[in-house]
Amino acid sequence: DLAVDLRYHNRLDSLLLSLSGARA
């Protein structure tokens, strides 16, 4: 339902969160 990733040091952390498939 919710994925939280607050690491901002690498583009791949943001990509992982974008593709996580969570509803939010």
mmCIF file of all heavy atoms, coordinates in Angstrom:
data_MODEL
# 
_entry.id   MODEL 
# 
loop_
_atom_site.group_PDB 
_atom_site.id 
_atom_site.type_symbol 
_atom_site.label_atom_id 
_atom_site.label_alt_id 
_atom_site.label_comp_id 
_atom_site.label_asym_id 
_atom_site.label_entity_id 
_atom_site.label_seq_id 
_atom_site.pdbx_PDB_ins_code 
_atom_site.Cartn_x 
_atom_site.Cartn_y 
_atom_site.Cartn_z 
_atom_site.occupancy 
_atom_site.B_iso_or_equiv 
_atom_site.pdbx_formal_charge 
_atom_site.auth_seq_id 
_atom_site.auth_comp_id 
_atom_site.auth_asym_id 
_atom_site.auth_atom_id 
_atom_site.pdbx_PDB_model_num 
ATOM 1   N N   . ASP A 1 1  ? 0.827  -1.206 0.000   1.00 0.00 ? 1  ASP A N   1 
ATOM 2   C CA  . ASP A 1 1  ? 0.000  0.000  0.000   1.00 0.00 ? 1  ASP A CA  1 
ATOM 3   C C   . ASP A 1 1  ? 0.864  1.261  0.000   1.00 0.00 ? 1  ASP A C   1 
ATOM 4   O O   . ASP A 1 1  ? 0.513  2.261  -0.623  1.00 0.00 ? 1  ASP A O   1 
ATOM 5   C CB  . ASP A 1 1  ? -0.922 0.024  1.231   1.00 0.00 ? 1  ASP A CB  1 
ATOM 6   C CG  . ASP A 1 1  ? -1.998 -1.042 1.155   1.00 0.00 ? 1  ASP A CG  1 
ATOM 7   O OD1 . ASP A 1 1  ? -2.453 -1.333 0.031   1.00 0.00 ? 1  ASP A OD1 1 
ATOM 8   O OD2 . ASP A 1 1  ? -2.379 -1.580 2.211   1.00 0.00 ? 1  ASP A OD2 1 
ATOM 9   N N   . LEU A 1 2  ? 1.982  1.215  0.714   1.00 0.00 ? 2  LEU A N   1 
ATOM 10  C CA  . LEU A 1 2  ? 2.853  2.394  0.826   1.00 0.00 ? 2  LEU A CA  1 
ATOM 11  C C   . LEU A 1 2  ? 4.309  1.963  0.827   1.00 0.00 ? 2  LEU A C   1 
ATOM 12  O O   . LEU A 1 2  ? 4.682  1.027  1.547   1.00 0.00 ? 2  LEU A O   1 
ATOM 13  C CB  . LEU A 1 2  ? 2.546  3.183  2.106   1.00 0.00 ? 2  LEU A CB  1 
ATOM 14  C CG  . LEU A 1 2  ? 3.480  4.350  2.448   1.00 0.00 ? 2  LEU A CG  1 
ATOM 15  C CD1 . LEU A 1 2  ? 3.407  5.436  1.376   1.00 0.00 ? 2  LEU A CD1 1 
ATOM 16  C CD2 . LEU A 1 2  ? 3.136  4.926  3.820   1.00 0.00 ? 2  LEU A CD2 1 
ATOM 17  N N   . ALA A 1 3  ? 5.125  2.624  0.030   1.00 0.00 ? 3  ALA A N   1 
ATOM 18  C CA  . ALA A 1 3  ? 6.573  2.425  0.032   1.00 0.00 ? 3  ALA A CA  1 
ATOM 19  C C   . ALA A 1 3  ? 7.239  3.732  0.425   1.00 0.00 ? 3  ALA A C   1 
ATOM 20  O O   . ALA A 1 3  ? 6.870  4.802  -0.074  1.00 0.00 ? 3  ALA A O   1 
ATOM 21  C CB  . ALA A 1 3  ? 7.059  1.977  -1.348  1.00 0.00 ? 3  ALA A CB  1 
ATOM 22  N N   . VAL A 1 4  ? 8.194  3.650  1.343   1.00 0.00 ? 4  VAL A N   1 
ATOM 23  C CA  . VAL A 1 4  ? 8.919  4.832  1.813   1.00 0.00 ? 4  VAL A CA  1 
ATOM 24  C C   . VAL A 1 4  ? 10.410 4.580  1.638   1.00 0.00 ? 4  VAL A C   1 
ATOM 25  O O   . VAL A 1 4  ? 10.944 3.592  2.145   1.00 0.00 ? 4  VAL A O   1 
ATOM 26  C CB  . VAL A 1 4  ? 8.605  5.136  3.298   1.00 0.00 ? 4  VAL A CB  1 
ATOM 27  C CG1 . VAL A 1 4  ? 9.404  6.349  3.767   1.00 0.00 ? 4  VAL A CG1 1 
ATOM 28  C CG2 . VAL A 1 4  ? 7.111  5.360  3.503   1.00 0.00 ? 4  VAL A CG2 1 
ATOM 29  N N   . ASP A 1 5  ? 11.071 5.462  0.906   1.00 0.00 ? 5  ASP A N   1 
ATOM 30  C CA  . ASP A 1 5  ? 12.534 5.412  0.747   1.00 0.00 ? 5  ASP A CA  1 
ATOM 31  C C   . ASP A 1 5  ? 13.029 6.846  0.817   1.00 0.00 ? 5  ASP A C   1 
ATOM 32  O O   . ASP A 1 5  ? 12.785 7.641  -0.097  1.00 0.00 ? 5  ASP A O   1 
ATOM 33  C CB  . ASP A 1 5  ? 12.909 4.766  -0.587  1.00 0.00 ? 5  ASP A CB  1 
ATOM 34  C CG  . ASP A 1 5  ? 14.425 4.537  -0.711  1.00 0.00 ? 5  ASP A CG  1 
ATOM 35  O OD1 . ASP A 1 5  ? 15.192 5.157  0.066   1.00 0.00 ? 5  ASP A OD1 1 
ATOM 36  O OD2 . ASP A 1 5  ? 14.839 3.743  -1.575  1.00 0.00 ? 5  ASP A OD2 1 
ATOM 37  N N   . LEU A 1 6  ? 13.713 7.184  1.897   1.00 0.00 ? 6  LEU A N   1 
ATOM 38  C CA  . LEU A 1 6  ? 14.123 8.565  2.127   1.00 0.00 ? 6  LEU A CA  1 
ATOM 39  C C   . LEU A 1 6  ? 15.606 8.780  1.850   1.00 0.00 ? 6  LEU A C   1 
ATOM 40  O O   . LEU A 1 6  ? 16.189 9.760  2.291   1.00 0.00 ? 6  LEU A O   1 
ATOM 41  C CB  . LEU A 1 6  ? 13.793 8.965  3.572   1.00 0.00 ? 6  LEU A CB  1 
ATOM 42  C CG  . LEU A 1 6  ? 12.303 8.853  3.921   1.00 0.00 ? 6  LEU A CG  1 
ATOM 43  C CD1 . LEU A 1 6  ? 12.079 9.195  5.378   1.00 0.00 ? 6  LEU A CD1 1 
ATOM 44  C CD2 . LEU A 1 6  ? 11.465 9.733  3.013   1.00 0.00 ? 6  LEU A CD2 1 
ATOM 45  N N   . ARG A 1 7  ? 16.193 7.885  1.072   1.00 0.00 ? 7  ARG A N   1 
ATOM 46  C CA  . ARG A 1 7  ? 17.585 8.064  0.667   1.00 0.00 ? 7  ARG A CA  1 
ATOM 47  C C   . ARG A 1 7  ? 17.617 8.847  -0.647  1.00 0.00 ? 7  ARG A C   1 
ATOM 48  O O   . ARG A 1 7  ? 16.977 8.453  -1.615  1.00 0.00 ? 7  ARG A O   1 
ATOM 49  C CB  . ARG A 1 7  ? 18.269 6.708  0.506   1.00 0.00 ? 7  ARG A CB  1 
ATOM 50  C CG  . ARG A 1 7  ? 19.784 6.793  0.410   1.00 0.00 ? 7  ARG A CG  1 
ATOM 51  C CD  . ARG A 1 7  ? 20.408 5.406  0.439   1.00 0.00 ? 7  ARG A CD  1 
ATOM 52  N NE  . ARG A 1 7  ? 21.854 5.488  0.540   1.00 0.00 ? 7  ARG A NE  1 
ATOM 53  C CZ  . ARG A 1 7  ? 22.672 5.575  -0.493  1.00 0.00 ? 7  ARG A CZ  1 
ATOM 54  N NH1 . ARG A 1 7  ? 22.184 5.593  -1.720  1.00 0.00 ? 7  ARG A NH1 1 
ATOM 55  N NH2 . ARG A 1 7  ? 23.983 5.655  -0.314  1.00 0.00 ? 7  ARG A NH2 1 
ATOM 56  N N   . TYR A 1 8  ? 18.371 9.915  -0.679  1.00 0.00 ? 8  TYR A N   1 
ATOM 57  C CA  . TYR A 1 8  ? 18.382 10.795 -1.845  1.00 0.00 ? 8  TYR A CA  1 
ATOM 58  C C   . TYR A 1 8  ? 19.785 10.948 -2.435  1.00 0.00 ? 8  TYR A C   1 
ATOM 59  O O   . TYR A 1 8  ? 20.040 11.846 -3.232  1.00 0.00 ? 8  TYR A O   1 
ATOM 60  C CB  . TYR A 1 8  ? 17.871 12.198 -1.457  1.00 0.00 ? 8  TYR A CB  1 
ATOM 61  C CG  . TYR A 1 8  ? 18.566 12.774 -0.246  1.00 0.00 ? 8  TYR A CG  1 
ATOM 62  C CD1 . TYR A 1 8  ? 19.718 13.537 -0.380  1.00 0.00 ? 8  TYR A CD1 1 
ATOM 63  C CD2 . TYR A 1 8  ? 18.087 12.532 1.026   1.00 0.00 ? 8  TYR A CD2 1 
ATOM 64  C CE1 . TYR A 1 8  ? 20.371 14.043 0.724   1.00 0.00 ? 8  TYR A CE1 1 
ATOM 65  C CE2 . TYR A 1 8  ? 18.730 13.040 2.147   1.00 0.00 ? 8  TYR A CE2 1 
ATOM 66  C CZ  . TYR A 1 8  ? 19.873 13.795 1.987   1.00 0.00 ? 8  TYR A CZ  1 
ATOM 67  O OH  . TYR A 1 8  ? 20.521 14.281 3.097   1.00 0.00 ? 8  TYR A OH  1 
ATOM 68  N N   . HIS A 1 9  ? 20.703 10.048 -2.076  1.00 0.00 ? 9  HIS A N   1 
ATOM 69  C CA  . HIS A 1 9  ? 22.096 10.202 -2.471  1.00 0.00 ? 9  HIS A CA  1 
ATOM 70  C C   . HIS A 1 9  ? 22.399 9.639  -3.845  1.00 0.00 ? 9  HIS A C   1 
ATOM 71  O O   . HIS A 1 9  ? 23.487 9.827  -4.373  1.00 0.00 ? 9  HIS A O   1 
ATOM 72  C CB  . HIS A 1 9  ? 22.995 9.517  -1.431  1.00 0.00 ? 9  HIS A CB  1 
ATOM 73  C CG  . HIS A 1 9  ? 22.652 9.850  -0.012  1.00 0.00 ? 9  HIS A CG  1 
ATOM 74  N ND1 . HIS A 1 9  ? 21.764 9.099  0.722   1.00 0.00 ? 9  HIS A ND1 1 
ATOM 75  C CD2 . HIS A 1 9  ? 23.033 10.867 0.769   1.00 0.00 ? 9  HIS A CD2 1 
ATOM 76  C CE1 . HIS A 1 9  ? 21.632 9.634  1.919   1.00 0.00 ? 9  HIS A CE1 1 
ATOM 77  N NE2 . HIS A 1 9  ? 22.378 10.701 1.976   1.00 0.00 ? 9  HIS A NE2 1 
ATOM 78  N N   . ASN A 1 10 ? 21.440 8.916  -4.438  1.00 0.00 ? 10 ASN A N   1 
ATOM 79  C CA  . ASN A 1 10 ? 21.702 8.269  -5.709  1.00 0.00 ? 10 ASN A CA  1 
ATOM 80  C C   . ASN A 1 10 ? 20.402 8.214  -6.519  1.00 0.00 ? 10 ASN A C   1 
ATOM 81  O O   . ASN A 1 10 ? 19.325 7.968  -5.967  1.00 0.00 ? 10 ASN A O   1 
ATOM 82  C CB  . ASN A 1 10 ? 22.247 6.852  -5.470  1.00 0.00 ? 10 ASN A CB  1 
ATOM 83  C CG  . ASN A 1 10 ? 22.830 6.229  -6.724  1.00 0.00 ? 10 ASN A CG  1 
ATOM 84  O OD1 . ASN A 1 10 ? 22.112 5.984  -7.683  1.00 0.00 ? 10 ASN A OD1 1 
ATOM 85  N ND2 . ASN A 1 10 ? 24.126 5.971  -6.716  1.00 0.00 ? 10 ASN A ND2 1 
ATOM 86  N N   . ARG A 1 11 ? 20.512 8.425  -7.816  1.00 0.00 ? 11 ARG A N   1 
ATOM 87  C CA  . ARG A 1 11 ? 19.331 8.366  -8.682  1.00 0.00 ? 11 ARG A CA  1 
ATOM 88  C C   . ARG A 1 11 ? 18.614 7.031  -8.600  1.00 0.00 ? 11 ARG A C   1 
ATOM 89  O O   . ARG A 1 11 ? 17.397 6.950  -8.752  1.00 0.00 ? 11 ARG A O   1 
ATOM 90  C CB  . ARG A 1 11 ? 19.742 8.626  -10.141 1.00 0.00 ? 11 ARG A CB  1 
ATOM 91  C CG  . ARG A 1 11 ? 20.269 10.020 -10.432 1.00 0.00 ? 11 ARG A CG  1 
ATOM 92  C CD  . ARG A 1 11 ? 20.668 10.117 -11.891 1.00 0.00 ? 11 ARG A CD  1 
ATOM 93  N NE  . ARG A 1 11 ? 21.079 11.451 -12.269 1.00 0.00 ? 11 ARG A NE  1 
ATOM 94  C CZ  . ARG A 1 11 ? 22.329 11.896 -12.186 1.00 0.00 ? 11 ARG A CZ  1 
ATOM 95  N NH1 . ARG A 1 11 ? 23.278 11.098 -11.719 1.00 0.00 ? 11 ARG A NH1 1 
ATOM 96  N NH2 . ARG A 1 11 ? 22.625 13.125 -12.557 1.00 0.00 ? 11 ARG A NH2 1 
ATOM 97  N N   . LEU A 1 12 ? 19.376 5.955  -8.378  1.00 0.00 ? 12 LEU A N   1 
ATOM 98  C CA  . LEU A 1 12 ? 18.773 4.630  -8.395  1.00 0.00 ? 12 LEU A CA  1 
ATOM 99  C C   . LEU A 1 12 ? 17.841 4.410  -7.208  1.00 0.00 ? 12 LEU A C   1 
ATOM 100 O O   . LEU A 1 12 ? 16.925 3.590  -7.288  1.00 0.00 ? 12 LEU A O   1 
ATOM 101 C CB  . LEU A 1 12 ? 19.867 3.564  -8.431  1.00 0.00 ? 12 LEU A CB  1 
ATOM 102 C CG  . LEU A 1 12 ? 20.596 3.493  -9.777  1.00 0.00 ? 12 LEU A CG  1 
ATOM 103 C CD1 . LEU A 1 12 ? 21.835 2.641  -9.667  1.00 0.00 ? 12 LEU A CD1 1 
ATOM 104 C CD2 . LEU A 1 12 ? 19.675 2.947  -10.852 1.00 0.00 ? 12 LEU A CD2 1 
ATOM 105 N N   . ASP A 1 13 ? 18.056 5.108  -6.114  1.00 0.00 ? 13 ASP A N   1 
ATOM 106 C CA  . ASP A 1 13 ? 17.108 5.016  -5.005  1.00 0.00 ? 13 ASP A CA  1 
ATOM 107 C C   . ASP A 1 13 ? 15.757 5.574  -5.427  1.00 0.00 ? 13 ASP A C   1 
ATOM 108 O O   . ASP A 1 13 ? 14.707 5.008  -5.109  1.00 0.00 ? 13 ASP A O   1 
ATOM 109 C CB  . ASP A 1 13 ? 17.649 5.776  -3.790  1.00 0.00 ? 13 ASP A CB  1 
ATOM 110 C CG  . ASP A 1 13 ? 18.895 5.129  -3.221  1.00 0.00 ? 13 ASP A CG  1 
ATOM 111 O OD1 . ASP A 1 13 ? 18.758 4.104  -2.542  1.00 0.00 ? 13 ASP A OD1 1 
ATOM 112 O OD2 . ASP A 1 13 ? 20.002 5.639  -3.466  1.00 0.00 ? 13 ASP A OD2 1 
ATOM 113 N N   . SER A 1 14 ? 15.782 6.702  -6.144  1.00 0.00 ? 14 SER A N   1 
ATOM 114 C CA  . SER A 1 14 ? 14.528 7.276  -6.639  1.00 0.00 ? 14 SER A CA  1 
ATOM 115 C C   . SER A 1 14 ? 13.896 6.402  -7.704  1.00 0.00 ? 14 SER A C   1 
ATOM 116 O O   . SER A 1 14 ? 12.666 6.252  -7.761  1.00 0.00 ? 14 SER A O   1 
ATOM 117 C CB  . SER A 1 14 ? 14.796 8.678  -7.208  1.00 0.00 ? 14 SER A CB  1 
ATOM 118 O OG  . SER A 1 14 ? 15.216 9.562  -6.192  1.00 0.00 ? 14 SER A OG  1 
ATOM 119 N N   . LEU A 1 15 ? 14.733 5.809  -8.560  1.00 0.00 ? 15 LEU A N   1 
ATOM 120 C CA  . LEU A 1 15 ? 14.201 4.919  -9.588  1.00 0.00 ? 15 LEU A CA  1 
ATOM 121 C C   . LEU A 1 15 ? 13.557 3.691  -8.957  1.00 0.00 ? 15 LEU A C   1 
ATOM 122 O O   . LEU A 1 15 ? 12.470 3.265  -9.377  1.00 0.00 ? 15 LEU A O   1 
ATOM 123 C CB  . LEU A 1 15 ? 15.323 4.503  -10.548 1.00 0.00 ? 15 LEU A CB  1 
ATOM 124 C CG  . LEU A 1 15 ? 14.909 3.576  -11.697 1.00 0.00 ? 15 LEU A CG  1 
ATOM 125 C CD1 . LEU A 1 15 ? 13.906 4.262  -12.612 1.00 0.00 ? 15 LEU A CD1 1 
ATOM 126 C CD2 . LEU A 1 15 ? 16.139 3.122  -12.477 1.00 0.00 ? 15 LEU A CD2 1 
ATOM 127 N N   . LEU A 1 16 ? 14.202 3.130  -7.950  1.00 0.00 ? 16 LEU A N   1 
ATOM 128 C CA  . LEU A 1 16 ? 13.650 1.970  -7.261  1.00 0.00 ? 16 LEU A CA  1 
ATOM 129 C C   . LEU A 1 16 ? 12.280 2.293  -6.667  1.00 0.00 ? 16 LEU A C   1 
ATOM 130 O O   . LEU A 1 16 ? 11.327 1.513  -6.810  1.00 0.00 ? 16 LEU A O   1 
ATOM 131 C CB  . LEU A 1 16 ? 14.611 1.518  -6.158  1.00 0.00 ? 16 LEU A CB  1 
ATOM 132 C CG  . LEU A 1 16 ? 14.112 0.396  -5.250  1.00 0.00 ? 16 LEU A CG  1 
ATOM 133 C CD1 . LEU A 1 16 ? 13.904 -0.886 -6.045  1.00 0.00 ? 16 LEU A CD1 1 
ATOM 134 C CD2 . LEU A 1 16 ? 15.114 0.169  -4.106  1.00 0.00 ? 16 LEU A CD2 1 
ATOM 135 N N   . LEU A 1 17 ? 12.174 3.436  -6.029  1.00 0.00 ? 17 LEU A N   1 
ATOM 136 C CA  . LEU A 1 17 ? 10.895 3.827  -5.439  1.00 0.00 ? 17 LEU A CA  1 
ATOM 137 C C   . LEU A 1 17 ? 9.842  4.053  -6.525  1.00 0.00 ? 17 LEU A C   1 
ATOM 138 O O   . LEU A 1 17 ? 8.682  3.660  -6.375  1.00 0.00 ? 17 LEU A O   1 
ATOM 139 C CB  . LEU A 1 17 ? 11.081 5.091  -4.600  1.00 0.00 ? 17 LEU A CB  1 
ATOM 140 C CG  . LEU A 1 17 ? 9.893  5.556  -3.771  1.00 0.00 ? 17 LEU A CG  1 
ATOM 141 C CD1 . LEU A 1 17 ? 9.427  4.465  -2.814  1.00 0.00 ? 17 LEU A CD1 1 
ATOM 142 C CD2 . LEU A 1 17 ? 10.243 6.818  -2.998  1.00 0.00 ? 17 LEU A CD2 1 
ATOM 143 N N   . SER A 1 18 ? 10.250 4.680  -7.635  1.00 0.00 ? 18 SER A N   1 
ATOM 144 C CA  . SER A 1 18 ? 9.311  4.921  -8.735  1.00 0.00 ? 18 SER A CA  1 
ATOM 145 C C   . SER A 1 18 ? 8.736  3.632  -9.296  1.00 0.00 ? 18 SER A C   1 
ATOM 146 O O   . SER A 1 18 ? 7.574  3.574  -9.688  1.00 0.00 ? 18 SER A O   1 
ATOM 147 C CB  . SER A 1 18 ? 10.013 5.698  -9.861  1.00 0.00 ? 18 SER A CB  1 
ATOM 148 O OG  . SER A 1 18 ? 10.330 7.009  -9.463  1.00 0.00 ? 18 SER A OG  1 
ATOM 149 N N   . LEU A 1 19 ? 9.562  2.583  -9.331  1.00 0.00 ? 19 LEU A N   1 
ATOM 150 C CA  . LEU A 1 19 ? 9.156  1.317  -9.939  1.00 0.00 ? 19 LEU A CA  1 
ATOM 151 C C   . LEU A 1 19 ? 8.695  0.283  -8.926  1.00 0.00 ? 19 LEU A C   1 
ATOM 152 O O   . LEU A 1 19 ? 8.501  -0.882 -9.277  1.00 0.00 ? 19 LEU A O   1 
ATOM 153 C CB  . LEU A 1 19 ? 10.323 0.739  -10.751 1.00 0.00 ? 19 LEU A CB  1 
ATOM 154 C CG  . LEU A 1 19 ? 10.887 1.626  -11.872 1.00 0.00 ? 19 LEU A CG  1 
ATOM 155 C CD1 . LEU A 1 19 ? 12.072 0.933  -12.550 1.00 0.00 ? 19 LEU A CD1 1 
ATOM 156 C CD2 . LEU A 1 19 ? 9.803  1.964  -12.886 1.00 0.00 ? 19 LEU A CD2 1 
ATOM 157 N N   . SER A 1 20 ? 8.518  0.683  -7.668  1.00 0.00 ? 20 SER A N   1 
ATOM 158 C CA  . SER A 1 20 ? 8.216  -0.275 -6.601  1.00 0.00 ? 20 SER A CA  1 
ATOM 159 C C   . SER A 1 20 ? 6.830  -0.878 -6.713  1.00 0.00 ? 20 SER A C   1 
ATOM 160 O O   . SER A 1 20 ? 6.545  -1.915 -6.105  1.00 0.00 ? 20 SER A O   1 
ATOM 161 C CB  . SER A 1 20 ? 8.358  0.392  -5.235  1.00 0.00 ? 20 SER A CB  1 
ATOM 162 O OG  . SER A 1 20 ? 7.394  1.422  -5.077  1.00 0.00 ? 20 SER A OG  1 
ATOM 163 N N   . GLY A 1 21 ? 5.927  -0.234 -7.450  1.00 0.00 ? 21 GLY A N   1 
ATOM 164 C CA  . GLY A 1 21 ? 4.584  -0.769 -7.622  1.00 0.00 ? 21 GLY A CA  1 
ATOM 165 C C   . GLY A 1 21 ? 3.656  -0.543 -6.456  1.00 0.00 ? 21 GLY A C   1 
ATOM 166 O O   . GLY A 1 21 ? 2.507  -1.017 -6.475  1.00 0.00 ? 21 GLY A O   1 
ATOM 167 N N   . ALA A 1 22 ? 4.094  0.160  -5.425  1.00 0.00 ? 22 ALA A N   1 
ATOM 168 C CA  . ALA A 1 22 ? 3.218  0.437  -4.287  1.00 0.00 ? 22 ALA A CA  1 
ATOM 169 C C   . ALA A 1 22 ? 2.133  1.434  -4.695  1.00 0.00 ? 22 ALA A C   1 
ATOM 170 O O   . ALA A 1 22 ? 2.334  2.256  -5.595  1.00 0.00 ? 22 ALA A O   1 
ATOM 171 C CB  . ALA A 1 22 ? 4.032  0.981  -3.122  1.00 0.00 ? 22 ALA A CB  1 
ATOM 172 N N   . ARG A 1 23 ? 1.007  1.375  -4.014  1.00 0.00 ? 23 ARG A N   1 
ATOM 173 C CA  . ARG A 1 23 ? -0.092 2.282  -4.346  1.00 0.00 ? 23 ARG A CA  1 
ATOM 174 C C   . ARG A 1 23 ? 0.295  3.731  -4.072  1.00 0.00 ? 23 ARG A C   1 
ATOM 175 O O   . ARG A 1 23 ? -0.068 4.638  -4.820  1.00 0.00 ? 23 ARG A O   1 
ATOM 176 C CB  . ARG A 1 23 ? -1.328 1.897  -3.536  1.00 0.00 ? 23 ARG A CB  1 
ATOM 177 C CG  . ARG A 1 23 ? -2.564 2.715  -3.832  1.00 0.00 ? 23 ARG A CG  1 
ATOM 178 C CD  . ARG A 1 23 ? -3.779 2.102  -3.172  1.00 0.00 ? 23 ARG A CD  1 
ATOM 179 N NE  . ARG A 1 23 ? -3.574 1.920  -1.744  1.00 0.00 ? 23 ARG A NE  1 
ATOM 180 C CZ  . ARG A 1 23 ? -3.725 2.897  -0.836  1.00 0.00 ? 23 ARG A CZ  1 
ATOM 181 N NH1 . ARG A 1 23 ? -4.052 4.118  -1.224  1.00 0.00 ? 23 ARG A NH1 1 
ATOM 182 N NH2 . ARG A 1 23 ? -3.530 2.656  0.436   1.00 0.00 ? 23 ARG A NH2 1 
ATOM 183 N N   . ALA A 1 24 ? 1.050  3.971  -2.993  1.00 0.00 ? 24 ALA A N   1 
ATOM 184 C CA  . ALA A 1 24 ? 1.585  5.298  -2.693  1.00 0.00 ? 24 ALA A CA  1 
ATOM 185 C C   . ALA A 1 24 ? 3.079  5.163  -2.456  1.00 0.00 ? 24 ALA A C   1 
ATOM 186 O O   . ALA A 1 24 ? 3.543  4.171  -1.869  1.00 0.00 ? 24 ALA A O   1 
ATOM 187 C CB  . ALA A 1 24 ? 0.902  5.899  -1.463  1.00 0.00 ? 24 ALA A CB  1 
# 
